[in-house]
Protein backbone atom coordinates (compact mmCIF):
# COMPACT_ATOMS: atom_id res chain seq x y z
CA UNK A 1 -0.02 0.04 0.00
CA UNK A 2 2.70 2.40 0.97
CA UNK A 3 4.84 2.03 -2.13
CA UNK A 4 1.88 1.95 -4.43
CA UNK A 5 0.39 5.28 -3.40
CA UNK A 6 3.78 6.95 -2.94
CA UNK A 7 5.00 6.31 -6.36
CA UNK A 8 1.91 7.16 -8.07
CA UNK A 9 2.00 10.64 -6.55
CA UNK A 10 5.73 11.10 -7.34
CA UNK A 11 4.93 10.39 -10.87
CA UNK A 12 1.97 12.64 -10.93
CA UNK A 13 3.77 15.71 -9.40
CA UNK A 14 6.68 15.30 -11.68
CA UNK A 15 4.14 15.35 -14.57
CA UNK A 16 2.22 18.20 -13.35
CA UNK A 17 5.22 20.65 -12.76
CA UNK A 18 7.42 19.81 -15.68
CA UNK A 19 6.40 20.01 -19.38
CA UNK A 20 7.84 19.68 -22.49
CA UNK A 21 9.75 19.79 -25.66
CA UNK A 22 7.31 18.48 -28.30
CA UNK A 23 7.25 15.19 -29.91
CA UNK A 24 5.11 16.98 -32.46
CA UNK A 25 8.24 18.97 -33.29
CA UNK A 26 7.80 21.36 -36.18
CA UNK A 27 4.10 20.29 -36.49
CA UNK A 28 3.03 21.96 -33.32
CA UNK A 29 0.89 24.82 -34.26
CA UNK A 30 0.86 28.47 -32.69
CA UNK A 31 -2.36 27.62 -31.25
CA UNK A 32 -1.21 24.52 -29.45
CA UNK A 33 1.89 26.62 -28.20
CA UNK A 34 -0.48 29.15 -26.90
CA UNK A 35 -2.65 26.59 -25.02
CA UNK A 36 0.59 25.18 -23.29
CA UNK A 37 1.35 28.73 -22.21
CA UNK A 38 -2.21 29.22 -20.81
CA UNK A 39 -1.72 26.10 -18.75
CA UNK A 40 1.59 27.42 -17.24
CA UNK A 41 -0.08 30.70 -16.53
CA UNK A 42 -2.93 28.90 -14.90
CA UNK A 43 -0.79 27.17 -12.38
CA UNK A 44 1.24 30.23 -11.73
CA UNK A 45 -1.99 32.01 -10.68
CA UNK A 46 -3.14 29.30 -8.34
CA UNK A 47 -2.78 30.22 -4.65
CA UNK A 48 -5.05 27.75 -2.80
CA UNK A 49 -7.26 24.82 -3.82
CA UNK A 50 -9.64 22.47 -2.05
CA UNK A 51 -11.22 19.56 -3.98
CA UNK A 52 -12.82 16.22 -3.50
CA UNK A 53 -11.48 13.66 -5.94
CA UNK A 54 -12.49 10.23 -7.48
CA UNK A 55 -9.84 7.77 -8.45
CA UNK A 56 -10.62 5.13 -10.96
CA UNK A 57 -8.25 2.31 -11.76
CA UNK A 58 -8.11 -0.04 -14.86
CA UNK A 59 -9.25 -2.92 -12.67
CA UNK A 60 -12.35 -1.08 -11.86
CA UNK A 61 -11.62 -0.15 -8.28
CA UNK A 62 -12.72 3.27 -7.12
CA UNK A 63 -11.42 5.50 -4.23
CA UNK A 64 -12.33 8.85 -2.93
CA UNK A 65 -10.46 11.49 -1.13
CA UNK A 66 -9.80 15.19 -0.61
CA UNK A 67 -6.79 17.40 -1.66
CA UNK A 68 -5.76 20.77 -0.30
CA UNK A 69 -3.06 23.04 -1.68
CA UNK A 70 -1.72 26.35 -0.41
CA UNK A 71 1.32 27.77 -2.54
CA UNK A 72 4.07 28.10 -1.71
CA UNK A 73 4.91 24.90 0.08
CA UNK A 74 1.73 23.60 1.58
CA UNK A 75 -0.23 20.47 0.49
CA UNK A 76 -2.54 17.66 2.14
CA UNK A 77 -3.77 14.73 0.17
CA UNK A 78 -6.14 12.24 2.08
CA UNK A 79 -8.03 9.22 0.97
CA UNK A 80 -11.35 8.30 2.54
CA UNK A 81 -11.55 5.08 4.50
CA UNK A 82 -10.82 2.33 4.03
CA UNK A 83 -7.59 3.76 2.55
CA UNK A 84 -5.06 4.57 5.27
CA UNK A 85 -2.91 7.04 3.24
CA UNK A 86 -2.30 10.56 4.11
CA UNK A 87 0.36 12.97 2.39
CA UNK A 88 1.23 16.38 3.89
CA UNK A 89 3.72 19.03 3.17
CA UNK A 90 4.22 21.78 5.85
CA UNK A 91 6.60 23.97 3.42
CA UNK A 92 9.74 22.26 4.57
CA UNK A 93 9.09 18.48 4.60
CA UNK A 94 6.90 16.02 2.79
CA UNK A 95 5.37 13.40 5.12
CA UNK A 96 3.88 10.30 3.72
CA UNK A 97 1.84 8.14 6.15
CA UNK A 98 0.00 4.72 6.13
CA UNK A 99 -1.95 4.49 9.26
CA UNK A 100 -2.66 0.80 8.75
CA UNK A 101 0.95 -0.29 8.48
CA UNK A 102 1.98 2.51 11.09
CA UNK A 103 4.72 3.59 8.61
CA UNK A 104 5.75 7.10 7.91
CA UNK A 105 8.27 8.34 5.19
CA UNK A 106 9.61 11.82 5.40
CA UNK A 107 11.74 13.75 2.68
CA UNK A 108 12.77 17.38 2.32
CA UNK A 109 10.38 19.34 -0.02
CA UNK A 110 13.33 20.78 -1.67
CA UNK A 111 14.39 17.17 -2.97
CA UNK A 112 10.78 16.34 -3.79
CA UNK A 113 9.02 16.75 -7.06
CA UNK A 114 6.37 18.86 -5.10
CA UNK A 115 9.00 21.62 -4.54
CA UNK A 116 8.20 22.78 -8.15
CA UNK A 117 4.52 22.48 -7.95
CA UNK A 118 4.47 24.29 -4.61
CA UNK A 119 7.00 26.91 -5.38
CA UNK A 120 6.02 30.68 -5.97
CA UNK A 121 6.47 30.38 -9.59
CA UNK A 122 6.38 27.46 -12.13
CA UNK A 123 8.51 27.59 -15.29
CA UNK A 124 7.97 24.64 -17.80
CA UNK A 125 11.24 22.83 -18.60
CA UNK A 126 11.99 20.23 -21.11
CA UNK A 127 11.80 17.10 -18.94
CA UNK A 128 8.74 15.70 -20.64
CA UNK A 129 7.77 15.31 -24.23
CA UNK A 130 4.38 16.37 -25.43
CA UNK A 131 2.74 13.81 -27.76
CA UNK A 132 -0.51 15.68 -28.35
CA UNK A 133 -2.34 18.87 -27.48
CA UNK A 134 -5.92 18.59 -28.51
CA UNK A 135 -8.89 20.88 -28.13
CA UNK A 136 -12.46 19.63 -28.72
CA UNK A 137 -15.56 21.75 -27.90
CA UNK A 138 -14.66 23.19 -24.40
CA UNK A 139 -12.03 20.72 -23.40
CA UNK A 140 -8.31 20.59 -23.81
CA UNK A 141 -6.25 17.31 -23.37
CA UNK A 142 -2.47 17.42 -22.91
CA UNK A 143 -0.70 14.05 -23.39
CA UNK A 144 2.90 13.62 -22.54
CA UNK A 145 5.66 11.29 -21.18
CA UNK A 146 9.03 11.62 -19.42
CA UNK A 147 12.00 12.41 -21.57
CA UNK A 148 14.21 9.40 -21.79
CA UNK A 149 11.39 7.00 -20.90
CA UNK A 150 10.20 6.43 -24.55
CA UNK A 151 6.51 6.76 -23.55
CA UNK A 152 6.64 3.98 -21.00
CA UNK A 153 4.51 5.98 -18.63
CA UNK A 154 1.98 8.45 -20.29
CA UNK A 155 0.25 11.26 -18.67
CA UNK A 156 -2.92 12.81 -19.87
CA UNK A 157 -4.30 16.09 -18.51
CA UNK A 158 -7.90 17.19 -19.14
CA UNK A 159 -8.83 20.84 -18.69
CA UNK A 160 -12.19 22.78 -19.22
CA UNK A 161 -11.01 25.27 -21.93
CA UNK A 162 -12.93 28.23 -21.10
CA UNK A 163 -12.42 29.35 -18.39
CA UNK A 164 -9.32 27.22 -18.03
CA UNK A 165 -9.89 24.63 -15.05
CA UNK A 166 -8.05 21.34 -14.52
CA UNK A 167 -10.73 18.64 -14.46
CA UNK A 168 -8.82 15.28 -14.33
CA UNK A 169 -5.56 13.57 -15.11
CA UNK A 170 -4.72 9.93 -15.97
CA UNK A 171 -1.36 7.95 -15.65
CA UNK A 172 -0.92 4.96 -17.96
CA UNK A 173 1.98 2.66 -17.49
CA UNK A 174 3.68 0.47 -20.03
CA UNK A 175 1.24 -2.46 -19.43
CA UNK A 176 -1.77 -0.18 -20.28
CA UNK A 177 -2.85 0.01 -16.62
CA UNK A 178 -4.53 3.42 -15.95
CA UNK A 179 -5.01 5.45 -12.96
CA UNK A 180 -7.61 8.23 -13.46
CA UNK A 181 -8.11 11.28 -10.91
CA UNK A 182 -11.27 13.22 -11.48
CA UNK A 183 -11.63 16.48 -9.38
CA UNK A 184 -15.03 17.03 -7.95
CA UNK A 185 -16.22 20.59 -7.25
CA UNK A 186 -12.76 22.31 -6.87
CA UNK A 187 -12.57 25.59 -4.98
CA UNK A 188 -9.77 28.08 -5.36
CA UNK A 189 -8.57 31.26 -3.66
CA UNK A 190 -9.98 30.29 -0.22
CA UNK A 191 -8.58 30.55 3.36
CA UNK A 192 -7.21 27.22 4.66
CA UNK A 193 -6.39 26.46 8.34
CA UNK A 194 -2.65 25.83 9.11
CA UNK A 195 -3.34 22.43 10.81
CA UNK A 196 -3.88 20.91 7.36
CA UNK A 197 -0.20 20.79 6.67
CA UNK A 198 0.60 18.74 9.83
CA UNK A 199 1.05 14.97 9.81
CA UNK A 200 -1.09 12.89 12.23
CA UNK A 201 0.21 10.99 15.26
CA UNK A 202 -0.55 7.30 14.76
CA UNK A 203 -2.24 7.38 18.05
CA UNK A 204 -4.66 9.92 16.68
CA UNK A 205 -7.84 9.00 14.87
CA UNK A 206 -7.27 9.48 11.04
CA UNK A 207 -9.80 11.54 9.39
CA UNK A 208 -10.21 15.03 7.81
CA UNK A 209 -9.70 18.18 9.88
CA UNK A 210 -12.53 20.65 9.89
CA UNK A 211 -12.22 22.96 7.05
């Protein structure tokens, strides 16, 4: 349980915070380049976020949870029971907890992919390759993979186009297994309590703090 959830979110946050020289190469249109820039600006204007989410796996299993973000540096990601997983960042350290196994892993935020997402400013680099940027009706999808990975793990982000709003993302491994995260009623620019960024003691009852 610990490794499964930990590495999923490592992959996700690398993907979210680093994009892309293009596999489309010279075929990338000015409009596609403009949409990528819009996405960069979107994240740089993000201050706080609170959202429920739905996770859907290729196996058909479904999990729910809540994510809170306050830039710079702060995050809490918590699954609903029966999952025991809780991830927090207090601005200095990222803490990953599994209450069932009574295991906790802590790493410096500066050495985590989260350091880019949670920084004051995000500048897209060339660590990922964009395979496709597609706009249809009022949706934009961005498909990419890690440079040097030869497309072994693909990431697809889906946005509402106007106004621009992140709606979901998918991670697809080299076996075709997919994990999809769908944001449910995200709220932005709100005040969040400081206790959200603190890990739990294993003696405490796990559960969401009051908003």
